[in-house]
Amino acid sequence: MQAEEHFARVFQKGLLPEEVLECQAAAKRVGDGLYRLDITNALLEKGLVKSKAEVKRLVAQGAVEVGGSKVTSPIVEMEDGAVLKVGKRGFLRIIIDPGCR
């Protein structure tokens, strides 16, 4: 039953899964609550992609989203705790390193 609930939640309703991978990343503050960072290393570190080339390809194909908006570059502006969606099944919450705030 748990698999059915997960499927309904993520794929039918478009919500986030209950458990999302998290990654702490260094970022540069660019505005009120916004940070700029390169998502490539975070995606590689958590195994959501196999290479930097795959990150570039997925971004070019529009398969990477932050907060429901498609990403056009591996360098993104996002809020602390924002969730990246990679493809149909990959989710990663980015936590900004406290030393970089």
C-alpha atoms as a PDB file:
ATOM      1  CA  MET A   1       0.000   0.000   0.000  1.00  0.00           C
ATOM      2  CA  GLN A   2       2.882   2.353   0.700  1.00  0.00           C
ATOM      3  CA  ALA A   3       4.066   2.214  -2.937  1.00  0.00           C
ATOM      4  CA  GLU A   4       0.570   3.128  -4.146  1.00  0.00           C
ATOM      5  CA  GLU A   5       0.446   6.110  -1.789  1.00  0.00           C
ATOM      6  CA  HIS A   6       3.884   7.270  -2.949  1.00  0.00           C
ATOM      7  CA  PHE A   7       2.843   6.959  -6.612  1.00  0.00           C
ATOM      8  CA  ALA A   8      -0.400   8.871  -6.027  1.00  0.00           C
ATOM      9  CA  ARG A   9       1.361  11.607  -4.058  1.00  0.00           C
ATOM     10  CA  VAL A  10       4.304  12.192  -6.396  1.00  0.00           C
ATOM     11  CA  PHE A  11       3.070  11.333  -9.884  1.00  0.00           C
ATOM     12  CA  GLN A  12      -0.690  11.853  -9.808  1.00  0.00           C
ATOM     13  CA  LYS A  13      -0.900  14.855  -7.466  1.00  0.00           C
ATOM     14  CA  GLY A  14       2.519  16.352  -8.320  1.00  0.00           C
ATOM     15  CA  LEU A  15       3.551  16.716  -4.674  1.00  0.00           C
ATOM     16  CA  LEU A  16       6.962  16.108  -3.140  1.00  0.00           C
ATOM     17  CA  PRO A  17       7.716  12.660  -1.789  1.00  0.00           C
ATOM     18  CA  GLU A  18       7.685  12.294   1.999  1.00  0.00           C
ATOM     19  CA  GLU A  19      11.410  11.549   2.074  1.00  0.00           C
ATOM     20  CA  VAL A  20      13.703  13.810   0.049  1.00  0.00           C
ATOM     21  CA  LEU A  21      17.496  13.570  -0.127  1.00  0.00           C
ATOM     22  CA  GLU A  22      19.277  16.569   1.389  1.00  0.00           C
ATOM     23  CA  CYS A  23      22.604  18.134   0.498  1.00  0.00           C
ATOM     24  CA  GLN A  24      24.469  20.967   2.190  1.00  0.00           C
ATOM     25  CA  ALA A  25      26.070  23.329  -0.323  1.00  0.00           C
ATOM     26  CA  ALA A  26      28.123  26.508  -0.332  1.00  0.00           C
ATOM     27  CA  ALA A  27      26.447  29.438  -2.041  1.00  0.00           C
ATOM     28  CA  LYS A  28      26.795  33.163  -2.552  1.00  0.00           C
ATOM     29  CA  ARG A  29      24.063  35.389  -1.162  1.00  0.00           C
ATOM     30  CA  VAL A  30      22.632  37.556  -3.937  1.00  0.00           C
ATOM     31  CA  GLY A  31      19.517  39.043  -2.439  1.00  0.00           C
ATOM     32  CA  ASP A  32      16.895  38.902   0.235  1.00  0.00           C
ATOM     33  CA  GLY A  33      16.859  35.179   1.014  1.00  0.00           C
ATOM     34  CA  LEU A  34      18.268  34.220  -2.402  1.00  0.00           C
ATOM     35  CA  TYR A  35      21.508  32.352  -2.978  1.00  0.00           C
ATOM     36  CA  ARG A  36      23.416  31.574  -6.181  1.00  0.00           C
ATOM     37  CA  LEU A  37      25.072  28.177  -6.516  1.00  0.00           C
ATOM     38  CA  ASP A  38      26.205  25.604  -9.033  1.00  0.00           C
ATOM     39  CA  ILE A  39      24.001  22.533  -8.601  1.00  0.00           C
ATOM     40  CA  THR A  40      26.363  20.216 -10.504  1.00  0.00           C
ATOM     41  CA  ASN A  41      28.413  19.006  -7.536  1.00  0.00           C
ATOM     42  CA  ALA A  42      25.359  18.488  -5.319  1.00  0.00           C
ATOM     43  CA  LEU A  43      23.696  16.313  -7.965  1.00  0.00           C
ATOM     44  CA  LEU A  44      26.891  14.315  -8.485  1.00  0.00           C
ATOM     45  CA  GLU A  45      27.496  13.900  -4.748  1.00  0.00           C
ATOM     46  CA  LYS A  46      24.043  12.442  -4.139  1.00  0.00           C
ATOM     47  CA  GLY A  47      24.143  10.180  -7.189  1.00  0.00           C
ATOM     48  CA  LEU A  48      21.256  11.783  -9.076  1.00  0.00           C
ATOM     49  CA  VAL A  49      23.518  12.114 -12.129  1.00  0.00           C
ATOM     50  CA  LYS A  50      26.618  10.237 -13.261  1.00  0.00           C
ATOM     51  CA  SER A  51      28.594  13.079 -14.844  1.00  0.00           C
ATOM     52  CA  LYS A  52      28.820  16.821 -15.338  1.00  0.00           C
ATOM     53  CA  ALA A  53      27.866  16.257 -18.967  1.00  0.00           C
ATOM     54  CA  GLU A  54      24.634  14.611 -17.816  1.00  0.00           C
ATOM     55  CA  VAL A  55      23.815  17.695 -15.723  1.00  0.00           C
ATOM     56  CA  LYS A  56      24.312  19.928 -18.772  1.00  0.00           C
ATOM     57  CA  ARG A  57      22.178  17.615 -20.926  1.00  0.00           C
ATOM     58  CA  LEU A  58      19.332  17.453 -18.396  1.00  0.00           C
ATOM     59  CA  VAL A  59      19.340  21.238 -17.967  1.00  0.00           C
ATOM     60  CA  ALA A  60      19.302  21.739 -21.747  1.00  0.00           C
ATOM     61  CA  GLN A  61      16.347  19.341 -22.043  1.00  0.00           C
ATOM     62  CA  GLY A  62      14.393  21.170 -19.334  1.00  0.00           C
ATOM     63  CA  ALA A  63      14.471  18.171 -16.991  1.00  0.00           C
ATOM     64  CA  VAL A  64      15.710  20.117 -13.943  1.00  0.00           C
ATOM     65  CA  GLU A  65      13.370  22.299 -11.878  1.00  0.00           C
ATOM     66  CA  VAL A  66      13.691  24.472  -8.783  1.00  0.00           C
ATOM     67  CA  GLY A  67      10.415  25.188  -7.042  1.00  0.00           C
ATOM     68  CA  GLY A  68       8.431  24.169 -10.132  1.00  0.00           C
ATOM     69  CA  SER A  69      10.385  26.419 -12.519  1.00  0.00           C
ATOM     70  CA  LYS A  70      12.624  24.942 -15.183  1.00  0.00           C
ATOM     71  CA  VAL A  71      16.327  25.689 -14.837  1.00  0.00           C
ATOM     72  CA  THR A  72      18.202  27.078 -17.863  1.00  0.00           C
ATOM     73  CA  SER A  73      21.707  26.888 -16.383  1.00  0.00           C
ATOM     74  CA  PRO A  74      23.487  24.719 -13.777  1.00  0.00           C
ATOM     75  CA  ILE A  75      24.096  27.952 -11.847  1.00  0.00           C
ATOM     76  CA  VAL A  76      20.804  28.783 -10.158  1.00  0.00           C
ATOM     77  CA  GLU A  77      19.370  31.301  -7.739  1.00  0.00           C
ATOM     78  CA  MET A  78      17.300  29.685  -5.006  1.00  0.00           C
ATOM     79  CA  GLU A  79      16.136  29.996  -1.436  1.00  0.00           C
ATOM     80  CA  ASP A  80      17.604  27.954   1.394  1.00  0.00           C
ATOM     81  CA  GLY A  81      15.782  24.618   1.585  1.00  0.00           C
ATOM     82  CA  ALA A  82      14.507  24.715  -2.002  1.00  0.00           C
ATOM     83  CA  VAL A  83      13.954  21.367  -3.701  1.00  0.00           C
ATOM     84  CA  LEU A  84      15.491  20.422  -7.035  1.00  0.00           C
ATOM     85  CA  LYS A  85      13.560  18.016  -9.219  1.00  0.00           C
ATOM     86  CA  VAL A  86      15.765  16.061 -11.606  1.00  0.00           C
ATOM     87  CA  GLY A  87      13.923  14.099 -14.254  1.00  0.00           C
ATOM     88  CA  LYS A  88      10.737  12.374 -13.118  1.00  0.00           C
ATOM     89  CA  ARG A  89      12.016  10.690  -9.989  1.00  0.00           C
ATOM     90  CA  GLY A  90      14.959  12.626  -8.541  1.00  0.00           C
ATOM     91  CA  PHE A  91      14.407  15.088  -5.703  1.00  0.00           C
ATOM     92  CA  LEU A  92      17.091  16.935  -3.716  1.00  0.00           C
ATOM     93  CA  ARG A  93      16.638  19.564  -1.000  1.00  0.00           C
ATOM     94  CA  ILE A  94      19.520  22.066  -0.948  1.00  0.00           C
ATOM     95  CA  ILE A  95      20.506  23.357   2.483  1.00  0.00           C
ATOM     96  CA  ILE A  96      22.820  26.385   2.323  1.00  0.00           C
ATOM     97  CA  ASP A  97      26.016  25.900   4.355  1.00  0.00           C
ATOM     98  CA  PRO A  98      25.703  28.134   7.467  1.00  0.00           C
ATOM     99  CA  GLY A  99      29.279  29.356   6.972  1.00  0.00           C
ATOM    100  CA  CYS A 100      28.313  30.869   3.630  1.00  0.00           C
ATOM    101  CA  ARG A 101      25.246  32.811   4.727  1.00  0.00           C
END
